Amino acid sequence: MPASPDPIISVAGLSKVYQSGFQALHAVDLQIRRGEIFALLGPNGAGKTTLISIVCGIVNPSSGQVKVGGHDIVRDYRAARSLIGLVPQELSTDAFESVWHTVSFSRGLFGKPANPALVEQVLRDLSLWDKKDNKIITLSGGMKRRLMIAKALSHEPQILFLDEPTAGVDVELRRDMWALVRRLRDSGVTIILTTHYIEEAEEMADRVGVISRGRLILVEDKATLMHKLGKKQLTLQLEQPLAAVPAGLAGYGLSLGKEGAELTYTYEAEGDRAAITNLLRALEQSGIRFKDLQTTQSSLEDIFVSLVHDTPAAGDHA
């Protein structure tokens, strides 16, 4: 199911100042489209958890407005919150309850009638069905993480927040969770995940928001972001080391590395081939021969690091 341009979450001028005087969020504006996977990327302490805690009604905003499915989160808290499932970072559950009971109880908290068939389906989707009678204290960390997702899905929310969903979980569980998130999105659920794992955003998201020091510094379709900010590099392994880049090649912005044995040319991701052809011709005319060449394209991680590096300091907070 493709994402709709109609926003299911609308955040306008959202700021949060804690009693200590620390400003965790600075006038954040954000629209989340219905049916998309949105990744909120940022280093630890950037403001990711504060932002989603306000949207979920856990933390009060200092100023600004948030609407969820058209409902104001302050004036119409119950209606807004009923649309949301939240999987927090902390694995806080009643250790001596059974898996089945805790998921069923979570559904009841939202005033939903008992639905054993739905609870069974959620547990099966999360590979928890064979653990349904187990006490939570007996589960592994990965299974507890799955249980938190099951609890969040128990009342059939339209929006699912995953706060650092794969922090501290193994690679196999991470892949399972990515597959589950895609299935949920395909069924019409809007997914917002916060992460500092770049590969998670690169793998999963339709759009990416980058937050740093409480400011939302960029929101972009992932593919557009990669295209606009991604750089390519052509690296040449030289037959003979150079002491310096020849003056005749100064216009190409080449950098010399590996004790003169490697030349690197950086260009835009959509850089035209003519520039590379001209460079190779200029190298030949300068008598520079190379034995190998390779191209690399910057990852979302490179883009992220450069964006965050350029953000003005204004304190840090989770």
Protein backbone atom coordinates (compact mmCIF):
# COMPACT_ATOMS: atom_id res chain seq x y z
CA MET A 1 0.00 0.00 0.00
CA PRO A 2 1.73 3.25 -1.13
CA ALA A 3 2.08 6.13 1.31
CA SER A 4 -0.59 8.81 1.08
CA PRO A 5 0.36 12.52 0.94
CA ASP A 6 -2.36 13.07 3.58
CA PRO A 7 -0.47 13.53 6.91
CA ILE A 8 -1.48 11.21 9.73
CA ILE A 9 0.79 13.13 12.14
CA SER A 10 1.27 16.88 11.98
CA VAL A 11 3.82 18.62 14.22
CA ALA A 12 4.00 22.44 14.16
CA GLY A 13 6.39 24.69 16.08
CA LEU A 14 7.06 22.03 18.70
CA SER A 15 9.48 23.02 21.47
CA LYS A 16 10.35 21.45 24.79
CA VAL A 17 12.15 23.19 27.64
CA TYR A 18 12.71 21.11 30.78
CA GLN A 19 12.50 22.57 34.29
CA SER A 20 16.29 22.72 34.41
CA GLY A 21 16.10 25.27 31.59
CA PHE A 22 17.50 22.83 29.05
CA GLN A 23 15.83 23.12 25.63
CA ALA A 24 15.49 19.63 24.17
CA LEU A 25 13.50 20.58 21.05
CA HIS A 26 13.60 23.80 19.02
CA ALA A 27 10.48 24.68 16.95
CA VAL A 28 10.17 21.34 15.17
CA ASP A 29 7.85 21.15 12.14
CA LEU A 30 7.14 17.68 10.72
CA GLN A 31 4.45 15.94 8.68
CA ILE A 32 4.27 12.13 8.66
CA ARG A 33 2.40 10.68 5.70
CA ARG A 34 -0.19 7.98 6.18
CA GLY A 35 1.22 4.56 5.28
CA GLU A 36 4.93 5.44 5.11
CA ILE A 37 7.99 4.20 6.97
CA PHE A 38 9.68 7.29 8.39
CA ALA A 39 13.12 7.03 10.00
CA LEU A 40 14.13 9.68 12.50
CA LEU A 41 17.91 9.60 12.51
CA GLY A 42 20.13 11.23 15.06
CA PRO A 43 22.97 10.59 17.48
CA ASN A 44 22.24 9.72 21.11
CA GLY A 45 20.95 12.81 22.87
CA ALA A 46 19.66 14.49 19.69
CA GLY A 47 16.01 14.76 20.80
CA LYS A 48 14.51 11.69 19.12
CA THR A 49 12.94 10.19 22.24
CA THR A 50 11.67 13.56 23.48
CA LEU A 51 9.93 14.14 20.16
CA ILE A 52 8.14 10.79 20.04
CA SER A 53 7.32 10.95 23.75
CA ILE A 54 5.45 14.21 23.13
CA VAL A 55 3.59 12.78 20.12
CA CYS A 56 2.62 9.74 22.23
CA GLY A 57 1.41 11.93 25.11
CA ILE A 58 4.07 10.85 27.61
CA VAL A 59 5.84 14.22 27.81
CA ASN A 60 4.07 17.60 27.70
CA PRO A 61 5.21 20.10 25.06
CA SER A 62 6.32 23.59 26.10
CA SER A 63 4.88 25.13 22.92
CA GLY A 64 3.60 24.12 19.52
CA GLN A 65 0.90 21.72 18.37
CA VAL A 66 0.72 18.03 17.50
CA LYS A 67 -2.21 16.37 15.74
CA VAL A 68 -2.57 12.61 15.30
CA GLY A 69 -5.24 11.52 12.81
CA GLY A 70 -6.68 15.03 13.11
CA HIS A 71 -6.89 14.84 16.94
CA ASP A 72 -4.98 17.35 19.07
CA ILE A 73 -2.79 15.32 21.45
CA VAL A 74 -3.52 17.63 24.39
CA ARG A 75 -7.21 18.48 23.92
CA ASP A 76 -8.24 15.07 22.55
CA TYR A 77 -5.66 12.82 24.20
CA ARG A 78 -7.66 9.57 24.28
CA ALA A 79 -8.64 9.63 20.60
CA ALA A 80 -5.09 10.51 19.53
CA ARG A 81 -3.41 7.93 21.77
CA SER A 82 -5.74 5.11 20.67
CA LEU A 83 -4.31 5.41 17.14
CA ILE A 84 -0.73 4.86 18.38
CA GLY A 85 1.28 1.79 19.32
CA LEU A 86 4.60 2.53 21.03
CA VAL A 87 7.56 0.19 21.43
CA PRO A 88 9.89 2.00 23.87
CA GLN A 89 13.64 1.42 24.21
CA GLU A 90 13.34 -0.01 27.71
CA LEU A 91 12.09 -3.58 28.08
CA SER A 92 9.77 -2.87 31.02
CA THR A 93 7.25 -5.68 31.53
CA ASP A 94 5.80 -7.57 34.50
CA ALA A 95 8.31 -10.41 34.76
CA PHE A 96 5.91 -12.97 36.25
CA GLU A 97 3.02 -12.58 33.79
CA SER A 98 2.59 -14.98 30.88
CA VAL A 99 3.12 -13.79 27.31
CA TRP A 100 -0.52 -14.43 26.43
CA HIS A 101 -1.87 -12.58 29.46
CA THR A 102 0.28 -9.48 29.09
CA VAL A 103 -0.60 -9.01 25.39
CA SER A 104 -4.32 -9.58 26.08
CA PHE A 105 -4.16 -7.15 29.01
CA SER A 106 -2.51 -4.46 26.84
CA ARG A 107 -5.42 -4.72 24.40
CA GLY A 108 -7.89 -4.26 27.26
CA LEU A 109 -6.10 -1.12 28.47
CA PHE A 110 -7.30 0.62 25.31
CA GLY A 111 -10.91 -0.43 25.92
CA LYS A 112 -10.86 -2.99 23.12
CA PRO A 113 -13.01 -6.11 23.51
CA ALA A 114 -11.24 -9.44 23.98
CA ASN A 115 -10.13 -10.94 20.67
CA PRO A 116 -8.19 -14.19 21.20
CA ALA A 117 -7.88 -14.79 17.43
CA LEU A 118 -6.16 -11.44 16.92
CA VAL A 119 -3.81 -11.95 19.88
CA GLU A 120 -2.92 -15.38 18.49
CA GLN A 121 -2.18 -13.92 15.06
CA VAL A 122 0.04 -11.19 16.52
CA LEU A 123 1.99 -13.77 18.56
CA ARG A 124 2.36 -16.04 15.51
CA ASP A 125 3.57 -13.13 13.34
CA LEU A 126 6.25 -12.39 15.93
CA SER A 127 7.30 -16.05 16.40
CA LEU A 128 6.02 -15.95 19.98
CA TRP A 129 3.17 -18.46 19.73
CA ASP A 130 5.16 -21.37 21.19
CA LYS A 131 6.07 -19.07 24.13
CA LYS A 132 2.49 -17.96 24.85
CA ASP A 133 2.32 -19.68 28.26
CA ASN A 134 5.87 -18.76 29.30
CA LYS A 135 6.51 -16.24 32.04
CA ILE A 136 8.22 -13.12 30.71
CA ILE A 137 11.16 -13.60 33.09
CA THR A 138 12.13 -16.76 31.15
CA LEU A 139 12.38 -15.00 27.77
CA SER A 140 15.62 -13.99 26.05
CA GLY A 141 16.29 -10.31 25.32
CA GLY A 142 15.28 -10.77 21.68
CA MET A 143 12.02 -12.46 22.67
CA LYS A 144 11.25 -9.66 25.14
CA ARG A 145 11.76 -7.17 22.30
CA ARG A 146 9.25 -9.12 20.18
CA LEU A 147 6.84 -9.15 23.13
CA MET A 148 7.03 -5.34 23.40
CA ILE A 149 6.02 -5.12 19.73
CA ALA A 150 3.16 -7.59 20.30
CA LYS A 151 1.87 -5.44 23.18
CA ALA A 152 2.06 -2.31 21.02
CA LEU A 153 0.10 -4.03 18.22
CA SER A 154 -2.54 -5.57 20.49
CA HIS A 155 -5.07 -2.73 20.08
CA GLU A 156 -4.66 -2.56 16.27
CA PRO A 157 -3.05 0.89 16.05
CA GLN A 158 -2.84 2.84 12.80
CA ILE A 159 0.60 4.20 13.77
CA LEU A 160 3.51 2.29 15.27
CA PHE A 161 6.46 4.04 16.94
CA LEU A 162 9.62 1.95 17.28
CA ASP A 163 12.16 3.73 19.49
CA GLU A 164 15.60 2.26 18.70
CA PRO A 165 13.92 -1.09 17.88
CA THR A 166 17.06 -3.11 17.19
CA ALA A 167 19.39 -1.68 19.82
CA GLY A 168 21.24 -4.62 21.33
CA VAL A 169 19.55 -7.35 19.28
CA ASP A 170 21.25 -9.88 17.06
CA VAL A 171 21.41 -9.68 13.27
CA GLU A 172 18.84 -12.44 12.71
CA LEU A 173 16.23 -10.73 14.89
CA ARG A 174 16.99 -7.42 13.20
CA ARG A 175 16.19 -8.95 9.79
CA ASP A 176 13.00 -10.53 11.19
CA MET A 177 11.89 -7.18 12.54
CA TRP A 178 12.56 -5.42 9.27
CA ALA A 179 10.40 -8.02 7.49
CA LEU A 180 7.63 -7.52 10.08
CA VAL A 181 7.77 -3.73 9.68
CA ARG A 182 7.35 -4.08 5.92
CA ARG A 183 4.33 -6.38 6.37
CA LEU A 184 2.76 -3.89 8.76
CA ARG A 185 3.36 -1.03 6.32
CA ASP A 186 1.82 -3.11 3.52
CA SER A 187 -1.27 -3.59 5.70
CA GLY A 188 -1.65 0.19 6.05
CA VAL A 189 0.14 0.88 9.34
CA THR A 190 2.29 4.02 9.44
CA ILE A 191 5.71 3.26 10.96
CA ILE A 192 8.01 5.79 12.64
CA LEU A 193 11.32 4.42 13.83
CA THR A 194 14.06 6.27 15.65
CA THR A 195 17.52 4.92 15.15
CA HIS A 196 21.19 5.74 15.13
CA TYR A 197 21.87 2.64 13.03
CA ILE A 198 22.33 4.15 9.59
CA GLU A 199 21.80 0.82 7.81
CA GLU A 200 18.37 0.55 9.43
CA ALA A 201 17.22 3.79 7.83
CA GLU A 202 18.91 2.92 4.56
CA GLU A 203 17.26 -0.51 4.49
CA MET A 204 13.77 0.41 5.71
CA ALA A 205 12.71 4.01 5.31
CA ASP A 206 10.67 5.76 2.64
CA ARG A 207 11.69 9.12 4.10
CA VAL A 208 14.41 10.17 6.50
CA GLY A 209 14.45 13.00 9.03
CA VAL A 210 17.75 14.02 10.60
CA ILE A 211 17.63 15.54 14.08
CA SER A 212 20.62 17.00 15.87
CA ARG A 213 20.78 18.98 19.13
CA GLY A 214 16.99 19.28 19.22
CA ARG A 215 16.65 20.69 15.72
CA LEU A 216 15.16 18.87 12.75
CA ILE A 217 17.77 19.76 10.19
CA LEU A 218 16.49 17.85 7.19
CA VAL A 219 13.49 15.80 6.01
CA GLU A 220 13.80 14.14 2.62
CA ASP A 221 12.76 11.12 0.58
CA LYS A 222 15.57 8.64 1.12
CA ALA A 223 16.32 8.15 -2.58
CA THR A 224 16.34 11.93 -3.18
CA LEU A 225 18.62 12.47 -0.21
CA MET A 226 21.07 9.85 -1.45
CA HIS A 227 20.96 11.38 -4.93
CA LYS A 228 21.36 14.99 -3.84
CA LEU A 229 24.01 14.60 -1.19
CA GLY A 230 25.75 11.42 -2.23
CA LYS A 231 29.21 11.82 -3.68
CA LYS A 232 31.14 9.39 -5.81
CA GLN A 233 34.86 8.87 -5.66
CA LEU A 234 37.14 7.51 -8.34
CA THR A 235 40.32 6.11 -6.81
CA LEU A 236 43.35 5.35 -8.99
CA GLN A 237 46.21 3.12 -7.86
CA LEU A 238 49.30 4.58 -9.54
CA GLU A 239 52.15 2.62 -11.08
CA GLN A 240 54.67 5.15 -9.76
CA PRO A 241 54.14 7.27 -6.59
CA LEU A 242 53.83 11.05 -7.00
CA ALA A 243 55.39 13.62 -4.72
CA ALA A 244 52.59 16.09 -5.53
CA VAL A 245 49.60 16.52 -7.86
CA PRO A 246 50.96 18.02 -11.12
CA ALA A 247 49.98 21.65 -11.76
CA GLY A 248 48.25 20.66 -15.00
CA LEU A 249 45.69 18.63 -13.00
CA ALA A 250 44.96 21.31 -10.39
CA GLY A 251 41.45 21.97 -11.77
CA TYR A 252 40.20 18.49 -10.87
CA GLY A 253 40.51 18.83 -7.10
CA LEU A 254 42.47 15.59 -6.83
CA SER A 255 43.82 14.36 -3.51
CA LEU A 256 46.91 12.28 -3.08
CA GLY A 257 47.09 9.41 -0.60
CA LYS A 258 48.90 6.20 0.36
CA GLU A 259 52.29 7.97 0.25
CA GLY A 260 51.68 9.26 -3.25
CA ALA A 261 50.54 5.91 -4.67
CA GLU A 262 46.82 6.76 -4.84
CA LEU A 263 44.89 9.59 -6.53
CA THR A 264 41.25 10.29 -5.58
CA TYR A 265 38.77 12.28 -7.65
CA THR A 266 35.47 13.26 -5.95
CA TYR A 267 32.42 14.20 -8.02
CA GLU A 268 28.63 14.51 -7.71
CA ALA A 269 26.65 11.27 -7.75
CA GLU A 270 25.12 12.35 -11.06
CA GLY A 271 28.49 13.57 -12.32
CA ASP A 272 28.82 13.31 -16.09
CA ARG A 273 31.14 10.82 -17.68
CA ALA A 274 32.78 13.48 -19.80
CA ALA A 275 34.56 14.87 -16.71
CA ILE A 276 36.05 11.46 -15.93
CA THR A 277 37.03 10.90 -19.55
CA ASN A 278 38.75 14.30 -19.57
CA LEU A 279 40.54 13.47 -16.31
CA LEU A 280 41.84 10.16 -17.62
CA ARG A 281 43.04 11.88 -20.80
CA ALA A 282 44.79 14.58 -18.73
CA LEU A 283 46.49 11.90 -16.62
CA GLU A 284 47.77 10.22 -19.77
CA GLN A 285 49.06 13.52 -21.15
CA SER A 286 50.88 14.14 -17.86
CA GLY A 287 52.54 10.74 -18.14
CA ILE A 288 50.75 9.36 -15.06
CA ARG A 289 49.90 5.69 -15.40
CA PHE A 290 47.67 3.69 -13.10
CA LYS A 291 47.36 -0.06 -12.53
CA ASP A 292 43.85 -0.14 -11.08
CA LEU A 293 40.83 2.05 -10.42
CA GLN A 294 37.65 1.77 -8.38
CA THR A 295 34.58 3.89 -7.71
CA THR A 296 32.68 4.20 -4.45
CA GLN A 297 29.50 6.09 -3.58
CA SER A 298 28.93 7.70 -0.21
CA SER A 299 26.46 5.93 2.05
CA LEU A 300 23.69 7.47 4.10
CA GLU A 301 26.18 7.31 6.99
CA ASP A 302 28.58 9.68 5.25
CA ILE A 303 25.72 12.07 4.51
CA PHE A 304 24.45 11.86 8.09
CA VAL A 305 27.86 12.54 9.63
CA SER A 306 28.41 15.59 7.41
CA LEU A 307 24.95 17.01 8.22
CA VAL A 308 25.26 16.53 11.98
CA HIS A 309 28.79 17.89 11.96
CA ASP A 310 27.50 21.16 10.47
CA THR A 311 24.73 21.71 13.06
CA PRO A 312 25.32 24.59 15.53
CA ALA A 313 25.66 23.48 19.15
CA ALA A 314 22.66 23.96 21.44
CA GLY A 315 23.08 21.27 24.07
CA ASP A 316 22.23 17.60 23.98
CA HIS A 317 19.42 15.50 25.38
CA ALA A 318 17.62 12.25 24.69
